[in-house]
């Protein structure tokens, strides 16, 4: 009888040790499968925005058209794609939700720029820039949270030069 109990215990211990860390598994799937294509899409969209702002700014109409025709529709689709990502663990889901919130703030900034251009309101441009700064900070916080979670669950992350999100 003792042999049976010891054997059962050892078998159970073996089975438990064979079970992976669910957060680790979820995180590996997230950074290797779910986010790379989304990160590339975000980089492409933000590149279009950078093509018509800052040192690349030419005139209000060019910026307006780029936002209205290309950037905002593409970014809205990007947010829908982010929202469709299914995650298994609460820890990673919380971090991903924070990222979605940052993306929504960035989308709101793009819409604020449209309104500012339509009304020629520099105050709204300042508001849009504040939203963009907030979104950038939240995205950095997201990256740090993913890195921290990875460290806690023995996942080694490699920097992706093409994606801004990871």
C-alpha atoms as a PDB file:
ATOM      1  CA  UNK A   1       0.000   0.000   0.000  1.00  0.00           C
ATOM      2  CA  UNK A   2       2.851   2.367   0.865  1.00  0.00           C
ATOM      3  CA  UNK A   3       4.440   1.662  -2.514  1.00  0.00           C
ATOM      4  CA  UNK A   4       1.188   2.590  -4.230  1.00  0.00           C
ATOM      5  CA  UNK A   5       0.943   5.898  -2.328  1.00  0.00           C
ATOM      6  CA  UNK A   6       4.601   6.758  -3.020  1.00  0.00           C
ATOM      7  CA  UNK A   7       4.229   5.777  -6.682  1.00  0.00           C
ATOM      8  CA  UNK A   8       1.034   7.837  -6.962  1.00  0.00           C
ATOM      9  CA  UNK A   9       2.741  10.801  -5.326  1.00  0.00           C
ATOM     10  CA  UNK A  10       5.750  10.554  -7.631  1.00  0.00           C
ATOM     11  CA  UNK A  11       3.489  10.243 -10.673  1.00  0.00           C
ATOM     12  CA  UNK A  12       1.490  13.291  -9.555  1.00  0.00           C
ATOM     13  CA  UNK A  13       4.722  15.228  -8.912  1.00  0.00           C
ATOM     14  CA  UNK A  14       5.964  14.283 -12.386  1.00  0.00           C
ATOM     15  CA  UNK A  15       2.666  15.338 -13.965  1.00  0.00           C
ATOM     16  CA  UNK A  16       2.672  18.652 -12.117  1.00  0.00           C
ATOM     17  CA  UNK A  17       6.259  19.387 -13.080  1.00  0.00           C
ATOM     18  CA  UNK A  18       5.316  18.634 -16.678  1.00  0.00           C
ATOM     19  CA  UNK A  19       2.645  21.342 -16.588  1.00  0.00           C
ATOM     20  CA  UNK A  20       3.953  24.597 -18.002  1.00  0.00           C
ATOM     21  CA  UNK A  21       3.576  28.048 -16.579  1.00  0.00           C
ATOM     22  CA  UNK A  22       0.318  29.351 -18.120  1.00  0.00           C
ATOM     23  CA  UNK A  23       1.533  32.969 -18.062  1.00  0.00           C
ATOM     24  CA  UNK A  24       4.780  31.932 -19.726  1.00  0.00           C
ATOM     25  CA  UNK A  25       2.878  30.016 -22.411  1.00  0.00           C
ATOM     26  CA  UNK A  26       0.466  32.910 -22.979  1.00  0.00           C
ATOM     27  CA  UNK A  27       3.302  35.425 -23.124  1.00  0.00           C
ATOM     28  CA  UNK A  28       5.307  33.347 -25.590  1.00  0.00           C
ATOM     29  CA  UNK A  29       2.262  33.038 -27.853  1.00  0.00           C
ATOM     30  CA  UNK A  30       1.582  36.759 -27.479  1.00  0.00           C
ATOM     31  CA  UNK A  31       5.053  38.024 -28.373  1.00  0.00           C
ATOM     32  CA  UNK A  32       5.813  35.380 -31.014  1.00  0.00           C
ATOM     33  CA  UNK A  33       2.468  34.832 -32.726  1.00  0.00           C
ATOM     34  CA  UNK A  34      -0.101  37.509 -31.942  1.00  0.00           C
ATOM     35  CA  UNK A  35       1.761  40.796 -31.751  1.00  0.00           C
ATOM     36  CA  UNK A  36       4.471  40.759 -34.453  1.00  0.00           C
ATOM     37  CA  UNK A  37       2.103  41.374 -37.367  1.00  0.00           C
ATOM     38  CA  UNK A  38       0.174  43.951 -35.340  1.00  0.00           C
ATOM     39  CA  UNK A  39       3.417  45.695 -34.438  1.00  0.00           C
ATOM     40  CA  UNK A  40       4.380  45.895 -38.100  1.00  0.00           C
ATOM     41  CA  UNK A  41       0.953  47.311 -38.940  1.00  0.00           C
ATOM     42  CA  UNK A  42       1.244  49.963 -36.243  1.00  0.00           C
ATOM     43  CA  UNK A  43       4.722  50.915 -37.456  1.00  0.00           C
ATOM     44  CA  UNK A  44       3.383  51.305 -41.002  1.00  0.00           C
ATOM     45  CA  UNK A  45       0.495  53.527 -39.863  1.00  0.00           C
ATOM     46  CA  UNK A  46       2.664  55.676 -37.612  1.00  0.00           C
ATOM     47  CA  UNK A  47       5.168  55.994 -40.450  1.00  0.00           C
ATOM     48  CA  UNK A  48       2.416  57.520 -42.584  1.00  0.00           C
ATOM     49  CA  UNK A  49       1.693  59.986 -39.790  1.00  0.00           C
ATOM     50  CA  UNK A  50       5.385  60.864 -39.479  1.00  0.00           C
ATOM     51  CA  UNK A  51       5.485  61.392 -43.268  1.00  0.00           C
ATOM     52  CA  UNK A  52       3.131  64.379 -42.917  1.00  0.00           C
ATOM     53  CA  UNK A  53       4.090  65.822 -39.508  1.00  0.00           C
ATOM     54  CA  UNK A  54       7.104  67.373 -37.797  1.00  0.00           C
ATOM     55  CA  UNK A  55       9.955  68.038 -40.225  1.00  0.00           C
ATOM     56  CA  UNK A  56       7.927  66.367 -43.019  1.00  0.00           C
ATOM     57  CA  UNK A  57       4.944  68.717 -42.608  1.00  0.00           C
ATOM     58  CA  UNK A  58       4.127  70.571 -45.826  1.00  0.00           C
ATOM     59  CA  UNK A  59       0.642  72.026 -45.337  1.00  0.00           C
ATOM     60  CA  UNK A  60      -2.608  71.543 -43.441  1.00  0.00           C
ATOM     61  CA  UNK A  61      -4.465  70.016 -46.386  1.00  0.00           C
ATOM     62  CA  UNK A  62      -1.875  67.273 -46.895  1.00  0.00           C
ATOM     63  CA  UNK A  63      -1.973  66.412 -43.190  1.00  0.00           C
ATOM     64  CA  UNK A  64      -5.775  66.532 -43.147  1.00  0.00           C
ATOM     65  CA  UNK A  65      -6.112  64.275 -46.194  1.00  0.00           C
ATOM     66  CA  UNK A  66      -3.574  61.768 -44.890  1.00  0.00           C
ATOM     67  CA  UNK A  67      -5.363  61.567 -41.540  1.00  0.00           C
ATOM     68  CA  UNK A  68      -8.847  61.376 -42.993  1.00  0.00           C
ATOM     69  CA  UNK A  69      -8.187  58.988 -45.885  1.00  0.00           C
ATOM     70  CA  UNK A  70      -5.366  56.725 -44.692  1.00  0.00           C
ATOM     71  CA  UNK A  71      -4.206  57.084 -41.102  1.00  0.00           C
ATOM     72  CA  UNK A  72      -7.434  57.206 -39.083  1.00  0.00           C
ATOM     73  CA  UNK A  73      -9.233  54.392 -40.957  1.00  0.00           C
ATOM     74  CA  UNK A  74      -6.117  52.192 -40.763  1.00  0.00           C
ATOM     75  CA  UNK A  75      -5.593  52.985 -37.077  1.00  0.00           C
ATOM     76  CA  UNK A  76      -9.222  52.226 -36.256  1.00  0.00           C
ATOM     77  CA  UNK A  77      -8.809  48.830 -37.939  1.00  0.00           C
ATOM     78  CA  UNK A  78      -5.594  48.337 -35.992  1.00  0.00           C
ATOM     79  CA  UNK A  79      -7.460  48.958 -32.722  1.00  0.00           C
ATOM     80  CA  UNK A  80     -10.140  46.454 -33.754  1.00  0.00           C
ATOM     81  CA  UNK A  81      -7.389  43.929 -34.429  1.00  0.00           C
ATOM     82  CA  UNK A  82      -5.838  44.648 -31.018  1.00  0.00           C
ATOM     83  CA  UNK A  83      -9.215  44.172 -29.361  1.00  0.00           C
ATOM     84  CA  UNK A  84      -9.659  40.802 -31.070  1.00  0.00           C
ATOM     85  CA  UNK A  85      -6.500  39.359 -29.482  1.00  0.00           C
ATOM     86  CA  UNK A  86      -7.553  36.579 -27.116  1.00  0.00           C
ATOM     87  CA  UNK A  87      -5.407  35.969 -24.066  1.00  0.00           C
ATOM     88  CA  UNK A  88      -5.571  33.143 -21.564  1.00  0.00           C
ATOM     89  CA  UNK A  89      -4.147  34.792 -18.446  1.00  0.00           C
ATOM     90  CA  UNK A  90      -5.372  37.743 -16.428  1.00  0.00           C
ATOM     91  CA  UNK A  91      -1.852  39.151 -15.964  1.00  0.00           C
ATOM     92  CA  UNK A  92      -1.232  39.474 -19.680  1.00  0.00           C
ATOM     93  CA  UNK A  93      -4.819  40.503 -20.431  1.00  0.00           C
ATOM     94  CA  UNK A  94      -4.452  43.509 -18.067  1.00  0.00           C
ATOM     95  CA  UNK A  95      -1.235  44.626 -19.776  1.00  0.00           C
ATOM     96  CA  UNK A  96      -2.813  44.232 -23.217  1.00  0.00           C
ATOM     97  CA  UNK A  97      -5.892  46.246 -22.125  1.00  0.00           C
ATOM     98  CA  UNK A  98      -3.583  49.062 -21.032  1.00  0.00           C
ATOM     99  CA  UNK A  99      -2.040  48.988 -24.498  1.00  0.00           C
ATOM    100  CA  UNK A 100      -5.477  49.166 -26.132  1.00  0.00           C
ATOM    101  CA  UNK A 101      -6.254  52.190 -23.961  1.00  0.00           C
ATOM    102  CA  UNK A 102      -3.046  53.878 -25.153  1.00  0.00           C
ATOM    103  CA  UNK A 103      -3.943  53.131 -28.776  1.00  0.00           C
ATOM    104  CA  UNK A 104      -7.396  54.638 -28.243  1.00  0.00           C
ATOM    105  CA  UNK A 105      -5.857  57.808 -26.799  1.00  0.00           C
ATOM    106  CA  UNK A 106      -3.595  58.010 -29.837  1.00  0.00           C
ATOM    107  CA  UNK A 107      -6.616  57.571 -32.142  1.00  0.00           C
ATOM    108  CA  UNK A 108      -8.390  60.328 -30.229  1.00  0.00           C
ATOM    109  CA  UNK A 109      -5.363  62.566 -30.807  1.00  0.00           C
ATOM    110  CA  UNK A 110      -5.604  61.967 -34.558  1.00  0.00           C
ATOM    111  CA  UNK A 111      -9.280  62.965 -34.480  1.00  0.00           C
ATOM    112  CA  UNK A 112      -8.411  66.057 -32.452  1.00  0.00           C
ATOM    113  CA  UNK A 113      -5.890  67.074 -35.117  1.00  0.00           C
ATOM    114  CA  UNK A 114      -8.666  66.754 -37.742  1.00  0.00           C
ATOM    115  CA  UNK A 115     -10.937  69.016 -35.692  1.00  0.00           C
ATOM    116  CA  UNK A 116      -8.093  71.468 -35.096  1.00  0.00           C
ATOM    117  CA  UNK A 117      -7.390  71.679 -38.809  1.00  0.00           C
ATOM    118  CA  UNK A 118     -11.069  72.097 -39.667  1.00  0.00           C
ATOM    119  CA  UNK A 119     -11.421  74.927 -37.126  1.00  0.00           C
ATOM    120  CA  UNK A 120      -7.885  76.315 -37.469  1.00  0.00           C
ATOM    121  CA  UNK A 121      -7.584  75.995 -33.685  1.00  0.00           C
ATOM    122  CA  UNK A 122      -4.016  75.852 -32.373  1.00  0.00           C
ATOM    123  CA  UNK A 123      -5.325  75.090 -28.893  1.00  0.00           C
ATOM    124  CA  UNK A 124      -6.688  71.809 -30.214  1.00  0.00           C
ATOM    125  CA  UNK A 125      -3.314  71.038 -31.774  1.00  0.00           C
ATOM    126  CA  UNK A 126      -1.786  71.450 -28.307  1.00  0.00           C
ATOM    127  CA  UNK A 127      -4.472  69.155 -26.891  1.00  0.00           C
ATOM    128  CA  UNK A 128      -3.732  66.562 -29.578  1.00  0.00           C
ATOM    129  CA  UNK A 129      -0.022  66.751 -28.813  1.00  0.00           C
ATOM    130  CA  UNK A 130      -0.746  66.200 -25.112  1.00  0.00           C
ATOM    131  CA  UNK A 131      -2.812  63.137 -25.998  1.00  0.00           C
ATOM    132  CA  UNK A 132       0.011  61.826 -28.193  1.00  0.00           C
ATOM    133  CA  UNK A 133       2.481  62.334 -25.337  1.00  0.00           C
ATOM    134  CA  UNK A 134       0.166  60.506 -22.937  1.00  0.00           C
ATOM    135  CA  UNK A 135      -0.246  57.632 -25.392  1.00  0.00           C
ATOM    136  CA  UNK A 136       3.527  57.383 -25.913  1.00  0.00           C
ATOM    137  CA  UNK A 137       4.096  57.225 -22.161  1.00  0.00           C
ATOM    138  CA  UNK A 138       1.431  54.547 -21.794  1.00  0.00           C
ATOM    139  CA  UNK A 139       3.028  52.550 -24.614  1.00  0.00           C
ATOM    140  CA  UNK A 140       6.406  52.744 -22.882  1.00  0.00           C
ATOM    141  CA  UNK A 141       4.702  51.593 -19.673  1.00  0.00           C
ATOM    142  CA  UNK A 142       3.190  48.711 -21.646  1.00  0.00           C
ATOM    143  CA  UNK A 143       6.612  47.695 -22.968  1.00  0.00           C
ATOM    144  CA  UNK A 144       8.041  47.824 -19.448  1.00  0.00           C
ATOM    145  CA  UNK A 145       5.146  45.749 -18.095  1.00  0.00           C
ATOM    146  CA  UNK A 146       5.632  43.097 -20.793  1.00  0.00           C
ATOM    147  CA  UNK A 147       9.360  43.009 -20.037  1.00  0.00           C
ATOM    148  CA  UNK A 148       8.700  42.706 -16.292  1.00  0.00           C
ATOM    149  CA  UNK A 149       6.171  39.904 -16.813  1.00  0.00           C
ATOM    150  CA  UNK A 150       8.631  38.143 -19.114  1.00  0.00           C
ATOM    151  CA  UNK A 151      11.373  38.360 -16.507  1.00  0.00           C
ATOM    152  CA  UNK A 152       9.023  37.049 -13.792  1.00  0.00           C
ATOM    153  CA  UNK A 153       8.144  34.035 -15.963  1.00  0.00           C
ATOM    154  CA  UNK A 154      11.570  33.289 -17.473  1.00  0.00           C
ATOM    155  CA  UNK A 155      10.763  34.487 -20.986  1.00  0.00           C
ATOM    156  CA  UNK A 156      13.630  36.075 -22.897  1.00  0.00           C
ATOM    157  CA  UNK A 157      12.471  38.900 -25.159  1.00  0.00           C
ATOM    158  CA  UNK A 158      14.397  40.000 -28.197  1.00  0.00           C
ATOM    159  CA  UNK A 159      13.919  43.541 -29.438  1.00  0.00           C
ATOM    160  CA  UNK A 160      12.054  43.777 -32.719  1.00  0.00           C
ATOM    161  CA  UNK A 161      13.489  46.667 -34.730  1.00  0.00           C
ATOM    162  CA  UNK A 162      10.427  46.801 -36.989  1.00  0.00           C
ATOM    163  CA  UNK A 163       7.731  47.090 -34.332  1.00  0.00           C
ATOM    164  CA  UNK A 164       7.175  49.956 -31.929  1.00  0.00           C
ATOM    165  CA  UNK A 165       4.903  47.999 -29.626  1.00  0.00           C
ATOM    166  CA  UNK A 166       7.415  45.335 -28.516  1.00  0.00           C
END
